[in-house]
Amino acid sequence: MDEKSFTDIHQLPSGVSASLKPRSLTFSAPESNRTSLLNGHSASSTTNRSPSPSFAEAKAFAQAKLKDELKRYQDELKFKDEEVTKLSKVKDQINAEVEELTASLFEEANSMVLEANIKQSTAEKKLLVAENKIEALETEIVALRQVIESNDNFSQGQSDKARRNLTNPFRQFSSKFSSKQKRNQEMQKVLDSGEVPEIDSVYYSEFLQWLDKPDLDYAKPFLARIYGEDILTCLELSNKNLTQIVQRAIERNTFHMETLVDPVIRQDALNGIKQQCKYRMKCTDDSEDWLFIGQNTRNRLSTVCDFYNYIRYIRDGLVKSNVNEMYRKIMILRKSMAAAKLGFLISQAGHIVP
């Protein structure tokens, strides 16, 4: 029992305490025992509060282990960060190389496409020029074939001497139309034959006079009449200055006209109207300045060119037809110029085509 128990006993009620007093005991432990008891209690309390040496060692070991693992993970994370950085740099380098290669490929592809387009354009231009030359040659062949066919009847029944004269056109014309009397006889035969039922004697006499020495001199009545009545009116277009240049080019035989592969919407160089242009022209052989023209302008220029070509054929002695056929052909060409001026065409059969 401790001191408090003893005190409680002394605090009992008076009746009870009186009866118990004789039996009460007084315990007095030695001071040394009390001190050791108190010290032992204190030491026991202190031992319960502080950890044992084995627990502290385990805790320190665990902490050290965790620190080691943390450092290892940090090192691994740092290593992986370095790897990610390296891979990112490699990725950026590869992307830059890919972009550079892509740009280089696109540039090379564009240059190849441009070169192919230039070659294609050049080939198309050459093809177009060749086709136009072929078309012009075919037109001349057709005209020459018509001239030759119209001369078949004239060449039949001729003597050997006359046939030799036919091989030299200049000799033929000089021998056939060397005198005014022969021209009048030729004219009278045409009038008497009835092959040309309605003929203008003035036109025909002017034609025979010109045929005596055929040239492109407008001082002669025959060409002066056609020049004033047909050529000037057929070439009467808005752009007067350019029209005169074109006319001189046709006379000098340096005029060029060709069909476009793809029609374009442009202003007609001669009539000044914005329209679909299927043709282009230039006035000199060495010029690269092509001018766009429409269908009606082309028809007008074409009929004038046809007339000049036939006149040149006669001048150069390529036409072997008789006087009647040559005069009839010239009248058809004049009719074509008049029709083109009004917006029409003349077919090979001589009919007007809208």
Protein backbone atom coordinates (compact mmCIF):
# COMPACT_ATOMS: atom_id res chain seq x y z
CA MET A 1 0.00 0.00 0.00
CA ASP A 2 1.15 3.51 -0.77
CA GLU A 3 0.91 6.59 1.31
CA LYS A 4 -2.40 7.60 -0.22
CA SER A 5 -4.01 4.35 0.97
CA PHE A 6 -2.92 5.07 4.42
CA THR A 7 -4.33 8.52 4.29
CA ASP A 8 -7.69 7.24 3.01
CA ILE A 9 -7.93 4.90 5.86
CA HIS A 10 -7.46 7.70 8.36
CA GLN A 11 -10.25 9.61 6.59
CA LEU A 12 -12.94 7.01 7.27
CA PRO A 13 -16.00 7.92 9.36
CA SER A 14 -15.53 8.34 12.97
CA GLY A 15 -17.44 5.23 13.96
CA VAL A 16 -15.60 3.06 11.65
CA SER A 17 -12.29 4.60 12.31
CA ALA A 18 -12.70 4.24 15.99
CA SER A 19 -13.38 0.59 15.70
CA LEU A 20 -10.56 0.14 13.33
CA LYS A 21 -7.98 2.22 15.00
CA PRO A 22 -6.73 -0.45 17.33
CA ARG A 23 -6.26 -2.67 14.36
CA SER A 24 -4.59 -0.07 12.16
CA LEU A 25 -1.03 -0.63 11.13
CA THR A 26 1.55 1.87 10.48
CA PHE A 27 3.97 0.95 7.72
CA SER A 28 7.05 2.89 7.35
CA ALA A 29 9.33 1.77 4.68
CA PRO A 30 12.93 2.70 4.77
CA GLU A 31 13.88 5.82 2.98
CA SER A 32 16.28 4.03 0.84
CA ASN A 33 13.65 1.61 -0.37
CA ARG A 34 11.25 4.37 -1.13
CA THR A 35 13.88 6.19 -3.06
CA SER A 36 14.82 3.11 -5.02
CA LEU A 37 11.19 2.38 -5.68
CA LEU A 38 10.58 5.84 -6.96
CA ASN A 39 13.74 5.71 -9.01
CA GLY A 40 12.75 2.36 -10.47
CA HIS A 41 9.34 3.70 -11.46
CA SER A 42 10.97 6.70 -13.07
CA ALA A 43 13.49 4.52 -14.89
CA SER A 44 10.75 2.23 -16.16
CA SER A 45 8.80 5.20 -17.47
CA THR A 46 11.89 6.50 -19.20
CA THR A 47 12.57 3.12 -20.81
CA ASN A 48 9.05 2.95 -22.29
CA ARG A 49 9.35 6.38 -23.92
CA SER A 50 12.73 5.98 -25.75
CA PRO A 51 13.19 3.38 -28.57
CA SER A 52 15.33 0.43 -28.14
CA PRO A 53 18.73 0.34 -29.91
CA SER A 54 17.52 -2.30 -32.46
CA PHE A 55 14.59 -0.16 -33.67
CA ALA A 56 16.82 2.88 -34.18
CA GLU A 57 19.21 0.87 -36.26
CA ALA A 58 16.37 -0.50 -38.40
CA LYS A 59 14.98 2.97 -38.91
CA ALA A 60 18.38 4.34 -39.87
CA PHE A 61 18.91 1.41 -42.22
CA ALA A 62 15.53 1.96 -43.85
CA GLN A 63 16.19 5.66 -44.25
CA ALA A 64 19.57 4.97 -45.81
CA LYS A 65 18.02 2.42 -48.14
CA LEU A 66 15.30 4.84 -49.19
CA LYS A 67 17.87 7.55 -49.78
CA ASP A 68 19.90 5.16 -51.91
CA GLU A 69 16.81 4.21 -53.92
CA LEU A 70 15.83 7.86 -54.27
CA LYS A 71 19.29 8.73 -55.52
CA ARG A 72 19.22 5.79 -57.90
CA TYR A 73 15.84 6.82 -59.25
CA GLN A 74 17.04 10.39 -59.56
CA ASP A 75 20.11 9.21 -61.47
CA GLU A 76 17.94 7.05 -63.70
CA LEU A 77 15.56 9.98 -64.26
CA LYS A 78 18.47 12.26 -65.07
CA PHE A 79 19.87 9.68 -67.47
CA LYS A 80 16.49 9.31 -69.16
CA ASP A 81 16.15 13.09 -69.36
CA GLU A 82 19.52 13.19 -71.09
CA GLU A 83 18.40 10.42 -73.44
CA VAL A 84 15.15 12.26 -74.16
CA THR A 85 17.13 15.44 -74.85
CA LYS A 86 19.46 13.59 -77.21
CA LEU A 87 16.53 11.90 -78.98
CA SER A 88 14.74 15.24 -79.24
CA LYS A 89 17.82 16.77 -80.87
CA VAL A 90 18.06 13.80 -83.23
CA LYS A 91 14.36 14.17 -84.01
CA ASP A 92 14.74 17.90 -84.72
CA GLN A 93 17.75 17.20 -86.93
CA ILE A 94 15.88 14.49 -88.83
CA ASN A 95 12.85 16.78 -89.24
CA ALA A 96 15.10 19.55 -90.55
CA GLU A 97 16.74 17.15 -92.99
CA VAL A 98 13.34 15.85 -94.09
CA GLU A 99 12.06 19.38 -94.62
CA GLU A 100 15.19 20.31 -96.53
CA LEU A 101 14.94 17.15 -98.62
CA THR A 102 11.23 17.78 -99.22
CA ALA A 103 11.91 21.35 -100.29
CA SER A 104 14.70 20.16 -102.55
CA LEU A 105 12.46 17.50 -104.08
CA PHE A 106 9.64 19.99 -104.61
CA GLU A 107 12.03 22.47 -106.18
CA GLU A 108 13.44 19.78 -108.45
CA ALA A 109 9.94 18.57 -109.31
CA ASN A 110 8.82 22.13 -110.08
CA SER A 111 11.87 22.69 -112.27
CA MET A 112 11.18 19.41 -114.07
CA VAL A 113 7.52 20.35 -114.56
CA LEU A 114 8.51 23.81 -115.77
CA GLU A 115 11.06 22.34 -118.17
CA ALA A 116 8.48 19.83 -119.41
CA ASN A 117 5.92 22.62 -119.89
CA ILE A 118 8.46 24.70 -121.81
CA LYS A 119 9.31 21.73 -124.02
CA GLN A 120 5.62 20.98 -124.53
CA SER A 121 4.88 24.61 -125.36
CA THR A 122 7.81 24.70 -127.79
CA ALA A 123 6.67 21.45 -129.39
CA GLU A 124 3.10 22.73 -129.68
CA LYS A 125 4.33 25.94 -131.30
CA LYS A 126 6.47 23.99 -133.75
CA LEU A 127 3.54 21.68 -134.46
CA LEU A 128 1.24 24.63 -135.00
CA VAL A 129 3.74 26.29 -137.34
CA ALA A 130 4.17 23.04 -139.23
CA GLU A 131 0.41 22.54 -139.50
CA ASN A 132 -0.05 26.09 -140.74
CA LYS A 133 2.70 25.59 -143.30
CA ILE A 134 1.09 22.32 -144.37
CA GLU A 135 -2.29 24.04 -144.59
CA ALA A 136 -0.80 26.85 -146.66
CA LEU A 137 0.94 24.37 -148.94
CA GLU A 138 -2.25 22.32 -149.27
CA THR A 139 -4.14 25.49 -150.19
CA GLU A 140 -1.56 26.34 -152.82
CA ILE A 141 -1.62 22.75 -154.10
CA VAL A 142 -5.42 22.87 -154.40
CA ALA A 143 -5.21 26.19 -156.21
CA LEU A 144 -2.52 24.92 -158.53
CA ARG A 145 -4.46 21.71 -159.10
CA GLN A 146 -7.53 23.71 -160.06
CA VAL A 147 -5.40 25.79 -162.38
CA ILE A 148 -3.93 22.66 -163.96
CA GLU A 149 -7.31 20.98 -164.30
CA SER A 150 -8.77 24.08 -165.89
CA ASN A 151 -5.90 23.99 -168.36
CA ASP A 152 -6.46 20.39 -169.46
CA ASN A 153 -8.86 21.30 -172.25
CA PHE A 154 -6.56 24.04 -173.34
CA SER A 155 -3.54 21.72 -173.62
CA GLN A 156 -5.36 19.03 -175.62
CA GLY A 157 -4.89 19.04 -179.40
CA GLN A 158 -1.90 21.38 -179.29
CA SER A 159 1.09 20.82 -181.51
CA ASP A 160 4.51 19.83 -180.25
CA LYS A 161 5.63 23.40 -180.58
CA ALA A 162 2.68 24.63 -178.56
CA ARG A 163 3.38 21.98 -175.93
CA ARG A 164 6.96 23.21 -175.68
CA ASN A 165 5.63 26.69 -175.22
CA LEU A 166 3.47 25.46 -172.34
CA THR A 167 6.58 24.27 -170.51
CA ASN A 168 7.80 27.85 -170.56
CA PRO A 169 4.94 30.03 -169.24
CA PHE A 170 6.63 33.29 -170.12
CA ARG A 171 7.01 32.20 -173.75
CA GLN A 172 3.39 31.09 -173.71
CA PHE A 173 2.09 34.43 -172.55
CA SER A 174 4.40 36.41 -174.75
CA SER A 175 3.35 34.41 -177.79
CA LYS A 176 -0.32 34.31 -176.90
CA PHE A 177 -0.90 37.90 -175.92
CA SER A 178 1.80 39.70 -177.80
CA SER A 179 -0.47 41.87 -179.86
CA LYS A 180 -3.64 43.81 -179.39
CA GLN A 181 -5.22 41.98 -182.33
CA LYS A 182 -4.85 38.61 -180.62
CA ARG A 183 -6.34 39.98 -177.43
CA ASN A 184 -9.33 41.25 -179.34
CA GLN A 185 -9.68 37.91 -181.09
CA GLU A 186 -9.58 36.11 -177.76
CA MET A 187 -12.19 38.42 -176.37
CA GLN A 188 -14.42 37.95 -179.42
CA LYS A 189 -14.13 34.18 -179.12
CA VAL A 190 -15.26 34.35 -175.51
CA LEU A 191 -18.19 36.54 -176.42
CA ASP A 192 -19.18 34.33 -179.37
CA SER A 193 -18.80 31.06 -177.46
CA GLY A 194 -21.39 31.99 -174.87
CA GLU A 195 -19.34 30.46 -172.08
CA VAL A 196 -19.69 33.69 -170.13
CA PRO A 197 -23.25 34.79 -170.79
CA GLU A 198 -22.99 38.09 -168.89
CA ILE A 199 -19.60 39.76 -169.12
CA ASP A 200 -18.61 43.34 -168.57
CA SER A 201 -16.69 44.38 -171.65
CA VAL A 202 -14.90 47.19 -169.77
CA TYR A 203 -13.67 44.85 -167.04
CA TYR A 204 -12.64 42.26 -169.57
CA SER A 205 -10.78 44.68 -171.81
CA GLU A 206 -8.93 46.04 -168.76
CA PHE A 207 -8.07 42.48 -167.77
CA LEU A 208 -6.68 41.68 -171.22
CA GLN A 209 -4.66 44.87 -171.17
CA TRP A 210 -3.19 43.94 -167.80
CA LEU A 211 -2.63 40.34 -168.91
CA ASP A 212 -0.38 41.55 -171.68
CA LYS A 213 2.21 42.46 -169.01
CA PRO A 214 0.95 41.14 -165.68
CA ASP A 215 2.36 42.82 -162.58
CA LEU A 216 1.21 44.43 -159.30
CA ASP A 217 1.21 48.00 -160.59
CA TYR A 218 -1.91 49.79 -159.39
CA ALA A 219 -1.48 52.42 -162.08
CA LYS A 220 -3.08 50.01 -164.54
CA PRO A 221 -6.87 50.33 -164.75
CA PHE A 222 -7.52 46.65 -164.04
CA LEU A 223 -5.77 46.52 -160.65
CA ALA A 224 -6.70 50.11 -159.83
CA ARG A 225 -10.39 49.22 -160.13
CA ILE A 226 -10.06 46.09 -157.97
CA TYR A 227 -7.92 47.96 -155.46
CA GLY A 228 -10.49 50.73 -155.05
CA GLU A 229 -13.68 48.68 -155.28
CA ASP A 230 -12.71 45.50 -153.43
CA ILE A 231 -9.39 45.52 -151.54
CA LEU A 232 -9.74 48.88 -149.77
CA THR A 233 -13.35 48.26 -148.81
CA CYS A 234 -12.60 44.72 -147.63
CA LEU A 235 -9.76 46.02 -145.43
CA GLU A 236 -11.77 48.94 -144.10
CA LEU A 237 -11.33 48.25 -140.36
CA SER A 238 -11.12 50.37 -137.19
CA ASN A 239 -7.35 50.37 -136.78
CA LYS A 240 -6.40 52.31 -139.89
CA ASN A 241 -2.65 52.43 -139.29
CA LEU A 242 -2.33 48.72 -138.61
CA THR A 243 -4.58 47.95 -141.58
CA GLN A 244 -2.22 49.82 -143.90
CA ILE A 245 0.75 47.90 -142.47
CA VAL A 246 -1.08 44.61 -143.02
CA GLN A 247 -1.97 45.59 -146.57
CA ARG A 248 1.66 46.39 -147.42
CA ALA A 249 2.74 43.08 -145.84
CA ILE A 250 0.22 41.21 -148.04
CA GLU A 251 1.52 43.00 -151.12
CA ARG A 252 5.13 42.14 -150.21
CA ASN A 253 4.10 38.57 -149.39
CA THR A 254 5.47 38.78 -145.82
CA PHE A 255 2.13 38.48 -144.06
CA HIS A 256 1.59 35.45 -141.77
CA MET A 257 -1.63 34.17 -140.26
CA GLU A 258 -2.15 30.98 -138.28
CA THR A 259 -4.79 29.17 -136.21
CA LEU A 260 -4.51 29.04 -132.43
CA VAL A 261 -4.56 25.70 -130.65
CA ASP A 262 -6.70 27.16 -127.87
CA PRO A 263 -8.89 30.18 -128.72
CA VAL A 264 -8.55 33.13 -126.34
CA ILE A 265 -10.72 36.09 -125.41
CA ARG A 266 -8.81 39.14 -126.63
CA GLN A 267 -9.35 42.45 -128.35
CA ASP A 268 -9.22 42.07 -132.11
CA ALA A 269 -6.13 43.96 -133.28
CA LEU A 270 -7.86 45.36 -136.38
CA ASN A 271 -11.51 45.92 -135.50
CA GLY A 272 -10.95 46.71 -131.79
CA ILE A 273 -13.74 44.42 -130.54
CA LYS A 274 -13.12 42.14 -127.56
CA GLN A 275 -14.15 38.67 -128.70
CA GLN A 276 -13.05 35.08 -129.07
CA CYS A 277 -9.92 35.08 -131.22
CA LYS A 278 -9.12 31.85 -133.03
CA TYR A 279 -6.28 33.26 -135.12
CA ARG A 280 -3.16 35.40 -134.85
CA MET A 281 -1.12 37.31 -137.39
CA LYS A 282 2.19 39.07 -137.91
CA CYS A 283 3.44 41.29 -140.73
CA THR A 284 7.09 40.26 -141.09
CA ASP A 285 8.97 36.98 -141.26
CA ASP A 286 11.39 37.71 -138.41
CA SER A 287 8.88 39.33 -136.07
CA GLU A 288 7.66 37.60 -132.91
CA ASP A 289 4.90 40.12 -132.23
CA TRP A 290 1.77 38.09 -132.92
CA LEU A 291 -1.56 39.93 -132.93
CA PHE A 292 -4.89 38.25 -132.18
CA ILE A 293 -7.78 38.50 -134.64
CA GLY A 294 -11.33 37.19 -134.82
CA GLN A 295 -13.16 35.14 -137.44
CA ASN A 296 -14.50 38.01 -139.55
CA THR A 297 -11.14 39.78 -139.66
CA ARG A 298 -9.48 36.53 -140.64
CA ASN A 299 -12.00 35.98 -143.47
CA ARG A 300 -11.35 39.46 -144.86
CA LEU A 301 -7.58 39.06 -144.78
CA SER A 302 -7.79 35.55 -146.21
CA THR A 303 -9.81 36.61 -149.27
CA VAL A 304 -7.39 39.48 -149.97
CA CYS A 305 -4.44 37.10 -149.65
CA ASP A 306 -6.11 34.63 -152.03
CA PHE A 307 -6.53 37.37 -154.62
CA TYR A 308 -2.90 38.48 -154.38
CA ASN A 309 -1.66 34.88 -154.55
CA TYR A 310 -3.59 34.21 -157.74
CA ILE A 311 -2.34 37.44 -159.28
CA ARG A 312 1.21 36.41 -158.44
CA TYR A 313 0.63 32.97 -159.99
CA ILE A 314 -0.42 34.69 -163.21
CA ARG A 315 2.52 37.07 -163.06
CA ASP A 316 4.98 34.20 -162.50
CA GLY A 317 3.48 32.15 -165.34
CA LEU A 318 2.11 29.33 -163.16
CA VAL A 319 -1.44 29.62 -164.50
CA LYS A 320 -1.90 27.82 -167.79
CA SER A 321 -5.65 28.31 -168.12
CA ASN A 322 -7.25 30.17 -170.96
CA VAL A 323 -8.32 33.78 -170.68
CA ASN A 324 -11.89 32.87 -169.87
CA GLU A 325 -10.92 30.69 -166.88
CA MET A 326 -8.49 33.26 -165.51
CA TYR A 327 -11.04 36.06 -165.77
CA ARG A 328 -13.72 33.89 -164.16
CA LYS A 329 -11.39 32.99 -161.29
CA ILE A 330 -10.56 36.64 -160.65
CA MET A 331 -14.26 37.54 -160.59
CA ILE A 332 -14.87 34.73 -158.03
CA LEU A 333 -12.06 36.13 -155.87
CA ARG A 334 -13.63 39.59 -156.08
CA LYS A 335 -16.94 38.05 -155.09
CA SER A 336 -15.24 36.42 -152.07
CA MET A 337 -13.83 39.77 -150.92
CA ALA A 338 -17.25 41.40 -151.23
CA ALA A 339 -18.90 38.56 -149.29
CA ALA A 340 -16.24 38.62 -146.53
CA LYS A 341 -16.77 42.35 -146.16
CA LEU A 342 -20.45 41.62 -145.44
CA GLY A 343 -19.63 38.79 -143.01
CA PHE A 344 -20.03 35.81 -145.36
CA LEU A 345 -17.80 33.22 -146.99
CA ILE A 346 -17.76 31.75 -150.49
CA SER A 347 -17.49 27.98 -150.70
CA GLN A 348 -15.44 26.18 -153.34
CA ALA A 349 -18.64 25.58 -155.24
CA GLY A 350 -19.23 29.36 -155.35
CA HIS A 351 -22.07 29.47 -152.80
CA ILE A 352 -22.32 32.01 -150.02
CA VAL A 353 -21.83 30.50 -146.56
CA PRO A 354 -23.06 32.48 -143.51
